[in-house]
Each structure stands twice: as C-alpha cells, then as structure tokens.
N, C-alpha and C. Protein backbone atom coordinates (compact mmCIF):
# COMPACT_ATOMS: atom_id res chain seq x y z
N MET A 1 0.84 -1.17 0.00
CA MET A 1 0.00 0.00 0.00
C MET A 1 0.88 1.23 0.00
N GLU A 2 0.44 2.23 -0.68
CA GLU A 2 1.18 3.48 -0.75
C GLU A 2 0.19 4.63 -0.77
N ALA A 3 0.55 5.72 -0.09
CA ALA A 3 -0.25 6.95 -0.14
C ALA A 3 0.69 8.12 0.08
N THR A 4 0.60 9.09 -0.80
CA THR A 4 1.40 10.31 -0.69
C THR A 4 0.46 11.50 -0.71
N TRP A 5 0.67 12.40 0.24
CA TRP A 5 -0.20 13.58 0.37
C TRP A 5 0.57 14.85 0.02
N ALA A 6 -0.15 15.81 -0.57
CA ALA A 6 0.39 17.14 -0.83
C ALA A 6 -0.70 18.15 -0.52
N LEU A 7 -0.32 19.25 0.07
CA LEU A 7 -1.26 20.33 0.34
C LEU A 7 -0.87 21.51 -0.56
N MET A 8 -1.79 21.89 -1.45
CA MET A 8 -1.50 22.94 -2.42
C MET A 8 -2.36 24.17 -2.16
N THR A 9 -1.80 25.31 -2.44
CA THR A 9 -2.53 26.57 -2.33
C THR A 9 -2.54 27.22 -3.71
N PRO A 10 -3.72 27.45 -4.28
CA PRO A 10 -3.78 28.10 -5.59
C PRO A 10 -3.17 29.50 -5.54
N LYS A 11 -2.67 29.94 -6.67
CA LYS A 11 -2.07 31.27 -6.79
C LYS A 11 -3.14 32.34 -6.57
N ASN A 12 -2.74 33.44 -5.97
CA ASN A 12 -3.61 34.61 -5.77
C ASN A 12 -4.83 34.33 -4.90
N VAL A 13 -4.69 33.48 -3.90
CA VAL A 13 -5.79 33.21 -2.98
C VAL A 13 -6.02 34.41 -2.08
N THR A 14 -7.29 34.75 -1.88
CA THR A 14 -7.64 35.83 -0.96
C THR A 14 -8.57 35.26 0.11
N SER A 15 -8.89 36.07 1.09
CA SER A 15 -9.79 35.62 2.15
C SER A 15 -11.21 35.35 1.61
N ASP A 16 -11.54 35.89 0.44
CA ASP A 16 -12.85 35.67 -0.17
C ASP A 16 -12.89 34.47 -1.12
N SER A 17 -11.74 33.86 -1.36
CA SER A 17 -11.68 32.74 -2.30
C SER A 17 -12.46 31.54 -1.78
N CYS A 18 -13.15 30.85 -2.69
CA CYS A 18 -13.88 29.63 -2.32
C CYS A 18 -12.93 28.45 -2.13
N ILE A 19 -11.88 28.43 -2.92
CA ILE A 19 -10.88 27.36 -2.84
C ILE A 19 -9.58 27.97 -2.33
N LYS A 20 -9.23 27.65 -1.12
CA LYS A 20 -8.01 28.20 -0.51
C LYS A 20 -6.89 27.18 -0.45
N ARG A 21 -7.26 25.91 -0.31
CA ARG A 21 -6.27 24.84 -0.26
C ARG A 21 -6.86 23.59 -0.89
N ILE A 22 -5.99 22.79 -1.51
CA ILE A 22 -6.40 21.50 -2.07
C ILE A 22 -5.45 20.44 -1.52
N ALA A 23 -6.01 19.50 -0.79
CA ALA A 23 -5.23 18.36 -0.29
C ALA A 23 -5.34 17.25 -1.34
N VAL A 24 -4.20 16.80 -1.83
CA VAL A 24 -4.16 15.79 -2.88
C VAL A 24 -3.51 14.53 -2.33
N CYS A 25 -4.18 13.40 -2.55
CA CYS A 25 -3.62 12.11 -2.15
C CYS A 25 -3.48 11.23 -3.38
N SER A 26 -2.29 10.72 -3.61
CA SER A 26 -2.04 9.73 -4.65
C SER A 26 -1.87 8.39 -3.94
N LEU A 27 -2.65 7.39 -4.34
CA LEU A 27 -2.59 6.13 -3.60
C LEU A 27 -2.45 4.94 -4.53
N TYR A 28 -1.99 3.84 -3.95
CA TYR A 28 -1.87 2.57 -4.66
C TYR A 28 -2.22 1.45 -3.70
N SER A 29 -3.09 0.57 -4.15
CA SER A 29 -3.43 -0.63 -3.40
C SER A 29 -3.25 -1.81 -4.34
N LYS A 30 -2.31 -2.68 -4.03
CA LYS A 30 -2.04 -3.80 -4.94
C LYS A 30 -3.22 -4.78 -4.93
N PRO A 31 -3.37 -5.55 -6.01
CA PRO A 31 -4.48 -6.50 -6.08
C PRO A 31 -4.42 -7.50 -4.91
N ASP A 32 -5.56 -7.82 -4.36
CA ASP A 32 -5.69 -8.78 -3.26
C ASP A 32 -4.83 -8.42 -2.05
N SER A 33 -4.63 -7.14 -1.81
CA SER A 33 -3.85 -6.69 -0.66
C SER A 33 -4.52 -7.09 0.65
N ARG A 34 -3.72 -7.47 1.64
CA ARG A 34 -4.24 -7.78 2.96
C ARG A 34 -4.22 -6.53 3.85
N LYS A 35 -3.79 -5.40 3.30
CA LYS A 35 -3.67 -4.17 4.08
C LYS A 35 -4.67 -3.10 3.64
N LYS A 36 -5.78 -3.51 3.04
CA LYS A 36 -6.79 -2.56 2.58
C LYS A 36 -7.34 -1.73 3.73
N SER A 37 -7.65 -2.37 4.85
CA SER A 37 -8.22 -1.64 5.98
C SER A 37 -7.20 -0.65 6.55
N LEU A 38 -5.93 -1.00 6.52
CA LEU A 38 -4.88 -0.09 6.99
C LEU A 38 -4.81 1.15 6.10
N LEU A 39 -4.92 0.96 4.79
CA LEU A 39 -4.91 2.09 3.85
C LEU A 39 -6.14 2.97 4.05
N LEU A 40 -7.32 2.36 4.18
CA LEU A 40 -8.54 3.13 4.41
C LEU A 40 -8.49 3.89 5.73
N ASP A 41 -7.94 3.27 6.76
CA ASP A 41 -7.78 3.95 8.05
C ASP A 41 -6.85 5.15 7.94
N HIS A 42 -5.76 4.97 7.17
CA HIS A 42 -4.82 6.08 6.97
C HIS A 42 -5.50 7.25 6.26
N ILE A 43 -6.23 6.96 5.19
CA ILE A 43 -6.90 8.01 4.44
C ILE A 43 -7.92 8.72 5.33
N ASN A 44 -8.69 7.96 6.09
CA ASN A 44 -9.67 8.53 7.00
C ASN A 44 -9.00 9.44 8.04
N HIS A 45 -7.91 8.96 8.64
CA HIS A 45 -7.20 9.74 9.65
C HIS A 45 -6.62 11.02 9.04
N ALA A 46 -5.97 10.90 7.90
CA ALA A 46 -5.36 12.06 7.24
C ALA A 46 -6.44 13.06 6.82
N PHE A 47 -7.55 12.58 6.28
CA PHE A 47 -8.65 13.45 5.88
C PHE A 47 -9.15 14.26 7.07
N ASN A 48 -9.38 13.58 8.19
CA ASN A 48 -9.89 14.27 9.39
C ASN A 48 -8.87 15.23 9.97
N LEU A 49 -7.61 14.85 9.98
CA LEU A 49 -6.54 15.71 10.50
C LEU A 49 -6.41 16.99 9.66
N ILE A 50 -6.36 16.83 8.34
CA ILE A 50 -6.22 17.98 7.44
C ILE A 50 -7.48 18.85 7.50
N SER A 51 -8.66 18.23 7.58
CA SER A 51 -9.91 18.98 7.66
C SER A 51 -9.99 19.81 8.92
N THR A 52 -9.47 19.28 10.01
CA THR A 52 -9.48 20.01 11.28
C THR A 52 -8.53 21.19 11.24
N LYS A 53 -7.38 21.00 10.63
CA LYS A 53 -6.36 22.06 10.62
C LYS A 53 -6.67 23.17 9.62
N TYR A 54 -7.22 22.81 8.46
CA TYR A 54 -7.47 23.77 7.38
C TYR A 54 -8.93 23.69 6.94
N SER A 55 -9.85 24.05 7.77
CA SER A 55 -11.27 23.83 7.45
C SER A 55 -11.82 24.79 6.39
N ASP A 56 -11.45 26.04 6.43
CA ASP A 56 -12.04 27.05 5.55
C ASP A 56 -11.46 26.97 4.13
N GLY A 57 -12.31 26.71 3.14
CA GLY A 57 -11.88 26.71 1.75
C GLY A 57 -11.05 25.51 1.35
N LEU A 58 -11.14 24.42 2.11
CA LEU A 58 -10.34 23.22 1.84
C LEU A 58 -11.11 22.25 0.94
N HIS A 59 -10.43 21.70 -0.05
CA HIS A 59 -11.00 20.67 -0.91
C HIS A 59 -10.00 19.53 -1.05
N PHE A 60 -10.50 18.38 -1.48
CA PHE A 60 -9.68 17.18 -1.59
C PHE A 60 -9.75 16.59 -2.98
N ILE A 61 -8.63 15.99 -3.40
CA ILE A 61 -8.56 15.14 -4.59
C ILE A 61 -7.82 13.88 -4.14
N ILE A 62 -8.47 12.75 -4.29
CA ILE A 62 -7.86 11.46 -3.94
C ILE A 62 -7.94 10.59 -5.18
N ALA A 63 -6.79 10.16 -5.67
CA ALA A 63 -6.75 9.41 -6.93
C ALA A 63 -5.63 8.39 -6.90
N GLY A 64 -5.76 7.39 -7.73
CA GLY A 64 -4.69 6.42 -7.84
C GLY A 64 -5.16 5.10 -8.40
N ASP A 65 -4.31 4.11 -8.24
CA ASP A 65 -4.57 2.75 -8.71
C ASP A 65 -5.06 1.95 -7.52
N THR A 66 -6.38 1.71 -7.48
CA THR A 66 -6.97 1.07 -6.29
C THR A 66 -7.27 -0.40 -6.47
N ASN A 67 -7.17 -0.92 -7.69
CA ASN A 67 -7.47 -2.32 -7.97
C ASN A 67 -8.81 -2.72 -7.36
N ASP A 68 -8.83 -3.64 -6.39
CA ASP A 68 -10.10 -4.13 -5.84
C ASP A 68 -10.49 -3.47 -4.51
N LEU A 69 -9.90 -2.32 -4.21
CA LEU A 69 -10.23 -1.59 -2.98
C LEU A 69 -11.64 -1.01 -3.09
N LYS A 70 -12.46 -1.25 -2.07
CA LYS A 70 -13.81 -0.68 -2.03
C LYS A 70 -13.71 0.79 -1.64
N LEU A 71 -14.33 1.67 -2.42
CA LEU A 71 -14.16 3.11 -2.26
C LEU A 71 -15.24 3.79 -1.42
N ASP A 72 -16.24 3.04 -0.99
CA ASP A 72 -17.35 3.63 -0.24
C ASP A 72 -16.88 4.41 0.99
N ASN A 73 -15.92 3.88 1.72
CA ASN A 73 -15.43 4.56 2.93
C ASN A 73 -14.79 5.90 2.59
N ILE A 74 -14.13 5.99 1.46
CA ILE A 74 -13.50 7.25 1.05
C ILE A 74 -14.57 8.24 0.59
N ILE A 75 -15.50 7.78 -0.22
CA ILE A 75 -16.55 8.66 -0.73
C ILE A 75 -17.43 9.17 0.41
N ASN A 76 -17.61 8.37 1.44
CA ASN A 76 -18.44 8.78 2.58
C ASN A 76 -17.74 9.69 3.57
N LEU A 77 -16.49 10.05 3.32
CA LEU A 77 -15.77 10.97 4.22
C LEU A 77 -16.41 12.36 4.22
N SER A 78 -17.04 12.74 3.11
CA SER A 78 -17.63 14.07 3.00
C SER A 78 -18.87 13.98 2.12
N HIS A 79 -19.87 14.76 2.44
CA HIS A 79 -21.09 14.78 1.62
C HIS A 79 -20.82 15.33 0.21
N SER A 80 -19.72 16.05 0.04
CA SER A 80 -19.40 16.60 -1.28
C SER A 80 -18.36 15.77 -2.04
N MET A 81 -17.90 14.66 -1.46
CA MET A 81 -16.92 13.80 -2.14
C MET A 81 -17.63 13.00 -3.23
N ARG A 82 -17.10 13.06 -4.45
CA ARG A 82 -17.68 12.36 -5.59
C ARG A 82 -16.61 11.57 -6.32
N GLN A 83 -17.04 10.45 -6.89
CA GLN A 83 -16.19 9.66 -7.78
C GLN A 83 -16.38 10.26 -9.17
N LEU A 84 -15.29 10.76 -9.77
CA LEU A 84 -15.38 11.48 -11.04
C LEU A 84 -15.23 10.58 -12.26
N VAL A 85 -14.62 9.41 -12.10
CA VAL A 85 -14.44 8.49 -13.22
C VAL A 85 -15.69 7.62 -13.34
N SER A 86 -16.34 7.66 -14.48
CA SER A 86 -17.58 6.90 -14.65
C SER A 86 -17.45 5.73 -15.63
N ASP A 87 -16.42 5.72 -16.45
CA ASP A 87 -16.22 4.64 -17.42
C ASP A 87 -15.18 3.66 -16.91
N PHE A 88 -15.32 2.40 -17.32
CA PHE A 88 -14.38 1.37 -16.92
C PHE A 88 -12.98 1.69 -17.43
N THR A 89 -11.97 1.46 -16.61
CA THR A 89 -10.59 1.63 -17.03
C THR A 89 -9.93 0.27 -17.30
N ARG A 90 -10.65 -0.80 -16.99
CA ARG A 90 -10.24 -2.15 -17.37
C ARG A 90 -11.47 -2.84 -17.95
N LEU A 91 -11.30 -3.56 -19.05
CA LEU A 91 -12.45 -4.14 -19.74
C LEU A 91 -12.71 -5.60 -19.40
N ASP A 92 -11.71 -6.36 -19.00
CA ASP A 92 -11.92 -7.80 -18.77
C ASP A 92 -11.29 -8.25 -17.47
N PRO A 93 -12.04 -8.38 -16.39
CA PRO A 93 -13.46 -8.05 -16.23
C PRO A 93 -13.62 -6.54 -16.08
N PRO A 94 -14.80 -6.02 -16.40
CA PRO A 94 -15.03 -4.57 -16.32
C PRO A 94 -14.83 -4.04 -14.89
N ALA A 95 -14.02 -2.99 -14.78
CA ALA A 95 -13.77 -2.38 -13.47
C ALA A 95 -13.18 -0.99 -13.66
N ILE A 96 -13.37 -0.16 -12.64
CA ILE A 96 -12.71 1.15 -12.59
C ILE A 96 -11.53 0.99 -11.65
N LEU A 97 -10.33 0.93 -12.22
CA LEU A 97 -9.12 0.71 -11.42
C LEU A 97 -8.45 2.01 -11.01
N ASP A 98 -8.71 3.08 -11.74
CA ASP A 98 -8.03 4.35 -11.50
C ASP A 98 -9.04 5.44 -11.16
N PRO A 99 -9.63 5.38 -9.98
CA PRO A 99 -10.65 6.37 -9.64
C PRO A 99 -10.04 7.73 -9.31
N ILE A 100 -10.84 8.75 -9.49
CA ILE A 100 -10.51 10.10 -9.03
C ILE A 100 -11.70 10.56 -8.21
N MET A 101 -11.47 10.77 -6.92
CA MET A 101 -12.53 11.24 -6.02
C MET A 101 -12.17 12.65 -5.59
N SER A 102 -13.17 13.51 -5.55
CA SER A 102 -12.89 14.90 -5.24
C SER A 102 -14.09 15.58 -4.61
N THR A 103 -13.79 16.59 -3.81
CA THR A 103 -14.85 17.44 -3.27
C THR A 103 -15.04 18.68 -4.17
N LEU A 104 -14.26 18.77 -5.22
CA LEU A 104 -14.37 19.89 -6.15
C LEU A 104 -15.49 19.72 -7.16
N GLY A 105 -15.99 18.52 -7.32
CA GLY A 105 -17.08 18.27 -8.26
C GLY A 105 -16.63 18.03 -9.67
C-alpha cells in the first residue's frame, strides 16, 4: 500500500476565495492486498486531520490505482466527495481501477 499527500494553495488566494487549499492524495493498493483496511484507516485519519487544521476553503482530490479496494469509505468521508471516473478503465473483467474522487465536483 502506498499513499502520498500534498497540500497545495492556488495562486492569488484571498480571504474571499472559495478554494483556498487543495489536499491531494495519490494512492496505490495492490491487487488482493491484505492491508486494505490499513490504507482506508490512513486516508480517514489524514482526511480528518487535514480537515481540522485547514477547514475554511479546503478541498480534496484522492486518486490512484486502487485495484479491488472498495471506495465507499472514502466517498463517505464528505457529503461533497464524488467519484469522477464513470467509465471502466479495465475491460476484462469490467472495473474502474483508476478512480478520481474529489470534493471539487
């Protein structure tokens, strides 16, 4: 399992800006990993920690190669979190292996 986080601030942000910071997570979960719950726990903990520290104008992008990782726990972290990839990225068997989840819409 792998997860790398970056906190970005768009150029020319003001106190009136809607988007002040973007937390980006790039992740990888190998097929049939036995550490899926550990990865989901890490993402949940990091999401809550970053949300607490930078609440105003904060948005998230979480993307990567998830293979058979169930994404419901990640999508349920926020009412505005959405899965942006709608088409299969693998055809046999059909699956979305490279999801992009974001609170940006």
